[in-house]
Amino acid sequence: MNEITPILITAIVFGTIYGLFFLFVRRRERLTMMEKGFDPSLFYVEKPSTRFNSLKYGMLFIGVGAGILVGNILTVTTALNEEVAFFSMIFLFGGSALVLNYLLETRERNNNKS
């Protein structure tokens, strides 16, 4: 722990300095643009829809749970290494759930546009 402490303190100090500098420059840039007559609404970006977040996270957690279950089954029934079975199945099922979620969201958005 004592070896990491100076590194963490240094990183926090430089991160704080960078953050304050970034905020100052950004504020200054916006003020200059407003003085030159630009519309302030340019600074606000419309956030993407969070309508499907619960579906996405629900499907991800179901996929991870199924991956753990299948990884356990593979560990018991085959000579596959335990870590390999668990990690591969978690990523396989979790990724499959996210791809399926993407397909469902795309289909739903296309149906709403038509």
N, C-alpha and C. Protein backbone atom coordinates (compact mmCIF):
# COMPACT_ATOMS: atom_id res chain seq x y z
N MET A 1 0.83 -1.19 0.00
CA MET A 1 0.00 0.00 0.00
C MET A 1 0.87 1.25 0.00
N ASN A 2 1.96 1.23 0.73
CA ASN A 2 2.82 2.40 0.82
C ASN A 2 3.49 2.73 -0.50
N GLU A 3 3.69 1.74 -1.37
CA GLU A 3 4.32 1.98 -2.67
C GLU A 3 3.35 2.65 -3.64
N ILE A 4 2.08 2.39 -3.49
CA ILE A 4 1.07 2.91 -4.41
C ILE A 4 0.60 4.32 -4.01
N THR A 5 0.69 4.66 -2.76
CA THR A 5 0.17 5.93 -2.27
C THR A 5 0.73 7.15 -3.01
N PRO A 6 2.07 7.27 -3.21
CA PRO A 6 2.55 8.46 -3.96
C PRO A 6 2.05 8.51 -5.39
N ILE A 7 1.89 7.37 -6.01
CA ILE A 7 1.39 7.33 -7.38
C ILE A 7 -0.06 7.80 -7.43
N LEU A 8 -0.87 7.34 -6.48
CA LEU A 8 -2.28 7.75 -6.43
C LEU A 8 -2.40 9.24 -6.15
N ILE A 9 -1.60 9.75 -5.22
CA ILE A 9 -1.65 11.18 -4.90
C ILE A 9 -1.26 12.01 -6.12
N THR A 10 -0.21 11.60 -6.81
CA THR A 10 0.23 12.31 -8.01
C THR A 10 -0.86 12.29 -9.08
N ALA A 11 -1.47 11.13 -9.28
CA ALA A 11 -2.53 11.02 -10.29
C ALA A 11 -3.72 11.89 -9.93
N ILE A 12 -4.10 11.92 -8.67
CA ILE A 12 -5.24 12.73 -8.25
C ILE A 12 -4.93 14.22 -8.42
N VAL A 13 -3.73 14.64 -8.07
CA VAL A 13 -3.36 16.05 -8.21
C VAL A 13 -3.39 16.47 -9.67
N PHE A 14 -2.74 15.68 -10.55
CA PHE A 14 -2.73 16.03 -11.96
C PHE A 14 -4.12 15.95 -12.59
N GLY A 15 -4.92 14.99 -12.16
CA GLY A 15 -6.29 14.89 -12.65
C GLY A 15 -7.12 16.10 -12.26
N THR A 16 -6.95 16.57 -11.04
CA THR A 16 -7.67 17.76 -10.58
C THR A 16 -7.23 19.00 -11.35
N ILE A 17 -5.92 19.14 -11.55
CA ILE A 17 -5.42 20.30 -12.31
C ILE A 17 -5.95 20.26 -13.73
N TYR A 18 -5.93 19.09 -14.37
CA TYR A 18 -6.45 18.96 -15.73
C TYR A 18 -7.94 19.28 -15.78
N GLY A 19 -8.70 18.76 -14.82
CA GLY A 19 -10.14 19.01 -14.79
C GLY A 19 -10.47 20.48 -14.63
N LEU A 20 -9.77 21.16 -13.73
CA LEU A 20 -10.02 22.59 -13.54
C LEU A 20 -9.63 23.39 -14.78
N PHE A 21 -8.50 23.05 -15.39
CA PHE A 21 -8.07 23.73 -16.60
C PHE A 21 -9.08 23.52 -17.73
N PHE A 22 -9.56 22.28 -17.87
CA PHE A 22 -10.54 21.97 -18.92
C PHE A 22 -11.82 22.78 -18.71
N LEU A 23 -12.31 22.82 -17.47
CA LEU A 23 -13.53 23.57 -17.19
C LEU A 23 -13.34 25.06 -17.44
N PHE A 24 -12.19 25.61 -17.07
CA PHE A 24 -11.92 27.03 -17.28
C PHE A 24 -11.88 27.36 -18.76
N VAL A 25 -11.17 26.53 -19.54
CA VAL A 25 -11.05 26.78 -20.98
C VAL A 25 -12.40 26.64 -21.65
N ARG A 26 -13.17 25.65 -21.26
CA ARG A 26 -14.49 25.43 -21.85
C ARG A 26 -15.42 26.61 -21.56
N ARG A 27 -15.39 27.09 -20.32
CA ARG A 27 -16.23 28.23 -19.96
C ARG A 27 -15.82 29.46 -20.74
N ARG A 28 -14.53 29.68 -20.85
CA ARG A 28 -14.02 30.84 -21.58
C ARG A 28 -14.41 30.77 -23.05
N GLU A 29 -14.32 29.58 -23.62
CA GLU A 29 -14.68 29.39 -25.03
C GLU A 29 -16.17 29.69 -25.25
N ARG A 30 -17.01 29.22 -24.36
CA ARG A 30 -18.45 29.47 -24.49
C ARG A 30 -18.78 30.96 -24.35
N LEU A 31 -18.14 31.61 -23.41
CA LEU A 31 -18.39 33.04 -23.25
C LEU A 31 -17.97 33.82 -24.49
N THR A 32 -16.84 33.45 -25.07
CA THR A 32 -16.37 34.12 -26.28
C THR A 32 -17.34 33.89 -27.43
N MET A 33 -17.84 32.67 -27.56
CA MET A 33 -18.79 32.38 -28.65
C MET A 33 -20.09 33.15 -28.46
N MET A 34 -20.55 33.28 -27.22
CA MET A 34 -21.79 34.02 -26.99
C MET A 34 -21.59 35.51 -27.24
N GLU A 35 -20.39 36.02 -26.94
CA GLU A 35 -20.12 37.43 -27.22
C GLU A 35 -20.13 37.71 -28.72
N LYS A 36 -19.76 36.72 -29.52
CA LYS A 36 -19.72 36.90 -30.97
C LYS A 36 -21.07 36.62 -31.62
N GLY A 37 -22.08 36.29 -30.81
CA GLY A 37 -23.43 36.17 -31.34
C GLY A 37 -23.89 34.77 -31.67
N PHE A 38 -23.19 33.73 -31.23
CA PHE A 38 -23.65 32.37 -31.49
C PHE A 38 -24.80 32.03 -30.56
N ASP A 39 -25.65 31.12 -31.01
CA ASP A 39 -26.79 30.70 -30.23
C ASP A 39 -26.35 29.80 -29.07
N PRO A 40 -26.77 30.07 -27.83
CA PRO A 40 -26.36 29.24 -26.69
C PRO A 40 -26.90 27.81 -26.75
N SER A 41 -27.93 27.57 -27.55
CA SER A 41 -28.48 26.21 -27.63
C SER A 41 -27.51 25.25 -28.32
N LEU A 42 -26.46 25.77 -28.95
CA LEU A 42 -25.45 24.90 -29.55
C LEU A 42 -24.68 24.10 -28.51
N PHE A 43 -24.67 24.58 -27.27
CA PHE A 43 -23.88 23.93 -26.23
C PHE A 43 -24.58 22.73 -25.64
N TYR A 44 -25.86 22.61 -25.85
CA TYR A 44 -26.62 21.54 -25.23
C TYR A 44 -26.91 20.45 -26.25
N VAL A 45 -26.42 19.26 -25.95
CA VAL A 45 -26.60 18.12 -26.84
C VAL A 45 -27.79 17.31 -26.31
N GLU A 46 -28.65 16.90 -27.22
CA GLU A 46 -29.80 16.11 -26.82
C GLU A 46 -29.33 14.72 -26.39
N LYS A 47 -29.77 14.29 -25.22
CA LYS A 47 -29.36 13.00 -24.69
C LYS A 47 -30.11 11.89 -25.43
N PRO A 48 -29.42 10.76 -25.64
CA PRO A 48 -30.11 9.65 -26.29
C PRO A 48 -31.21 9.09 -25.39
N SER A 49 -32.14 8.43 -26.01
CA SER A 49 -33.28 7.89 -25.27
C SER A 49 -32.84 6.82 -24.28
N THR A 50 -33.37 6.91 -23.07
CA THR A 50 -33.06 5.90 -22.05
C THR A 50 -34.24 4.94 -21.89
N ARG A 51 -35.04 4.87 -22.93
CA ARG A 51 -36.24 4.05 -22.86
C ARG A 51 -35.93 2.57 -22.72
N PHE A 52 -34.85 2.11 -23.32
CA PHE A 52 -34.54 0.69 -23.36
C PHE A 52 -33.47 0.28 -22.35
N ASN A 53 -33.10 1.16 -21.43
CA ASN A 53 -32.03 0.83 -20.49
C ASN A 53 -32.37 -0.36 -19.60
N SER A 54 -33.57 -0.40 -19.07
CA SER A 54 -33.93 -1.51 -18.19
C SER A 54 -33.95 -2.83 -18.96
N LEU A 55 -34.39 -2.79 -20.20
CA LEU A 55 -34.37 -4.00 -21.02
C LEU A 55 -32.93 -4.45 -21.27
N LYS A 56 -32.06 -3.49 -21.58
CA LYS A 56 -30.66 -3.82 -21.86
C LYS A 56 -29.99 -4.46 -20.64
N TYR A 57 -30.13 -3.82 -19.48
CA TYR A 57 -29.48 -4.35 -18.29
C TYR A 57 -30.12 -5.66 -17.83
N GLY A 58 -31.42 -5.77 -17.97
CA GLY A 58 -32.08 -7.02 -17.62
C GLY A 58 -31.60 -8.17 -18.48
N MET A 59 -31.51 -7.93 -19.79
CA MET A 59 -31.03 -8.98 -20.68
C MET A 59 -29.56 -9.31 -20.41
N LEU A 60 -28.76 -8.31 -20.09
CA LEU A 60 -27.35 -8.55 -19.78
C LEU A 60 -27.22 -9.42 -18.54
N PHE A 61 -27.95 -9.11 -17.49
CA PHE A 61 -27.84 -9.88 -16.26
C PHE A 61 -28.40 -11.29 -16.43
N ILE A 62 -29.45 -11.44 -17.22
CA ILE A 62 -29.95 -12.79 -17.51
C ILE A 62 -28.90 -13.58 -18.28
N GLY A 63 -28.24 -12.93 -19.25
CA GLY A 63 -27.18 -13.58 -20.01
C GLY A 63 -26.00 -13.97 -19.15
N VAL A 64 -25.61 -13.10 -18.22
CA VAL A 64 -24.50 -13.42 -17.33
C VAL A 64 -24.89 -14.58 -16.41
N GLY A 65 -26.11 -14.57 -15.91
CA GLY A 65 -26.59 -15.68 -15.06
C GLY A 65 -26.62 -16.99 -15.81
N ALA A 66 -27.09 -16.95 -17.04
CA ALA A 66 -27.10 -18.17 -17.86
C ALA A 66 -25.67 -18.62 -18.15
N GLY A 67 -24.76 -17.69 -18.36
CA GLY A 67 -23.36 -18.03 -18.60
C GLY A 67 -22.73 -18.70 -17.40
N ILE A 68 -23.03 -18.21 -16.20
CA ILE A 68 -22.52 -18.84 -14.99
C ILE A 68 -23.07 -20.25 -14.84
N LEU A 69 -24.35 -20.41 -15.12
CA LEU A 69 -24.98 -21.72 -15.02
C LEU A 69 -24.36 -22.70 -16.01
N VAL A 70 -24.23 -22.30 -17.26
CA VAL A 70 -23.66 -23.18 -18.28
C VAL A 70 -22.18 -23.44 -18.00
N GLY A 71 -21.46 -22.42 -17.49
CA GLY A 71 -20.06 -22.63 -17.12
C GLY A 71 -19.92 -23.65 -16.02
N ASN A 72 -20.82 -23.62 -15.05
CA ASN A 72 -20.81 -24.61 -13.98
C ASN A 72 -21.11 -26.01 -14.52
N ILE A 73 -22.07 -26.09 -15.43
CA ILE A 73 -22.39 -27.39 -16.04
C ILE A 73 -21.20 -27.92 -16.82
N LEU A 74 -20.52 -27.05 -17.58
CA LEU A 74 -19.35 -27.48 -18.33
C LEU A 74 -18.21 -27.92 -17.41
N THR A 75 -18.05 -27.27 -16.28
CA THR A 75 -17.00 -27.63 -15.35
C THR A 75 -17.25 -29.02 -14.77
N VAL A 76 -18.50 -29.32 -14.47
CA VAL A 76 -18.84 -30.60 -13.85
C VAL A 76 -18.80 -31.73 -14.87
N THR A 77 -19.28 -31.51 -16.08
CA THR A 77 -19.43 -32.60 -17.05
C THR A 77 -18.22 -32.80 -17.95
N THR A 78 -17.35 -31.82 -18.10
CA THR A 78 -16.19 -31.97 -18.99
C THR A 78 -14.90 -31.74 -18.20
N ALA A 79 -13.79 -31.93 -18.87
CA ALA A 79 -12.49 -31.73 -18.24
C ALA A 79 -11.99 -30.31 -18.48
N LEU A 80 -12.89 -29.41 -18.84
CA LEU A 80 -12.53 -28.03 -19.12
C LEU A 80 -12.13 -27.32 -17.83
N ASN A 81 -11.11 -26.46 -17.92
CA ASN A 81 -10.65 -25.71 -16.77
C ASN A 81 -11.77 -24.81 -16.25
N GLU A 82 -11.89 -24.67 -14.93
CA GLU A 82 -13.00 -23.93 -14.33
C GLU A 82 -13.02 -22.47 -14.75
N GLU A 83 -11.87 -21.79 -14.71
CA GLU A 83 -11.82 -20.37 -15.06
C GLU A 83 -12.20 -20.15 -16.52
N VAL A 84 -11.70 -21.02 -17.39
CA VAL A 84 -12.00 -20.89 -18.82
C VAL A 84 -13.49 -21.08 -19.07
N ALA A 85 -14.07 -22.07 -18.43
CA ALA A 85 -15.49 -22.35 -18.63
C ALA A 85 -16.35 -21.17 -18.16
N PHE A 86 -16.07 -20.67 -16.97
CA PHE A 86 -16.89 -19.58 -16.44
C PHE A 86 -16.74 -18.30 -17.25
N PHE A 87 -15.50 -17.87 -17.48
CA PHE A 87 -15.31 -16.61 -18.19
C PHE A 87 -15.81 -16.67 -19.63
N SER A 88 -15.56 -17.77 -20.31
CA SER A 88 -16.00 -17.85 -21.70
C SER A 88 -17.52 -17.86 -21.79
N MET A 89 -18.18 -18.57 -20.93
CA MET A 89 -19.64 -18.63 -20.99
C MET A 89 -20.28 -17.32 -20.53
N ILE A 90 -19.69 -16.65 -19.55
CA ILE A 90 -20.23 -15.36 -19.11
C ILE A 90 -20.15 -14.36 -20.25
N PHE A 91 -18.99 -14.27 -20.91
CA PHE A 91 -18.85 -13.32 -22.01
C PHE A 91 -19.69 -13.73 -23.21
N LEU A 92 -19.78 -15.02 -23.49
CA LEU A 92 -20.57 -15.48 -24.63
C LEU A 92 -22.06 -15.17 -24.43
N PHE A 93 -22.60 -15.52 -23.28
CA PHE A 93 -24.02 -15.29 -23.06
C PHE A 93 -24.33 -13.82 -22.81
N GLY A 94 -23.46 -13.10 -22.10
CA GLY A 94 -23.67 -11.67 -21.89
C GLY A 94 -23.63 -10.91 -23.20
N GLY A 95 -22.65 -11.22 -24.06
CA GLY A 95 -22.55 -10.57 -25.37
C GLY A 95 -23.74 -10.92 -26.26
N SER A 96 -24.17 -12.17 -26.22
CA SER A 96 -25.34 -12.58 -27.01
C SER A 96 -26.58 -11.82 -26.56
N ALA A 97 -26.72 -11.62 -25.26
CA ALA A 97 -27.88 -10.86 -24.74
C ALA A 97 -27.84 -9.42 -25.22
N LEU A 98 -26.65 -8.81 -25.25
CA LEU A 98 -26.56 -7.43 -25.73
C LEU A 98 -26.83 -7.32 -27.22
N VAL A 99 -26.38 -8.29 -28.00
CA VAL A 99 -26.67 -8.29 -29.44
C VAL A 99 -28.17 -8.46 -29.67
N LEU A 100 -28.79 -9.38 -28.94
CA LEU A 100 -30.23 -9.58 -29.06
C LEU A 100 -30.99 -8.31 -28.65
N ASN A 101 -30.52 -7.65 -27.60
CA ASN A 101 -31.13 -6.39 -27.18
C ASN A 101 -31.02 -5.34 -28.28
N TYR A 102 -29.88 -5.24 -28.94
CA TYR A 102 -29.69 -4.29 -30.03
C TYR A 102 -30.68 -4.58 -31.16
N LEU A 103 -30.83 -5.85 -31.50
CA LEU A 103 -31.77 -6.21 -32.57
C LEU A 103 -33.21 -5.86 -32.20
N LEU A 104 -33.59 -6.12 -30.95
CA LEU A 104 -34.94 -5.78 -30.50
C LEU A 104 -35.17 -4.27 -30.50
N GLU A 105 -34.19 -3.50 -30.02
CA GLU A 105 -34.33 -2.04 -30.03
C GLU A 105 -34.43 -1.49 -31.44
N THR A 106 -33.61 -1.99 -32.35
CA THR A 106 -33.65 -1.53 -33.73
C THR A 106 -34.99 -1.83 -34.37
N ARG A 107 -35.51 -3.02 -34.16
CA ARG A 107 -36.81 -3.38 -34.72
C ARG A 107 -37.91 -2.51 -34.15
N GLU A 108 -37.85 -2.24 -32.84
CA GLU A 108 -38.87 -1.41 -32.20
C GLU A 108 -38.80 0.03 -32.72
N ARG A 109 -37.62 0.56 -32.89
CA ARG A 109 -37.48 1.94 -33.41
C ARG A 109 -37.95 2.02 -34.85
N ASN A 110 -37.66 1.01 -35.65
CA ASN A 110 -38.13 1.01 -37.04
C ASN A 110 -39.65 0.91 -37.13
N ASN A 111 -40.26 0.15 -36.23
CA ASN A 111 -41.71 0.03 -36.20
C ASN A 111 -42.37 1.35 -35.77
N ASN A 112 -41.72 2.09 -34.87
CA ASN A 112 -42.28 3.37 -34.43
C ASN A 112 -42.15 4.45 -35.49
N LYS A 113 -41.14 4.38 -36.35
CA LYS A 113 -40.96 5.39 -37.41
C LYS A 113 -41.97 5.18 -38.53
N SER A 114 -42.34 3.93 -38.78
CA SER A 114 -43.25 3.64 -39.90
C SER A 114 -44.69 3.89 -39.54
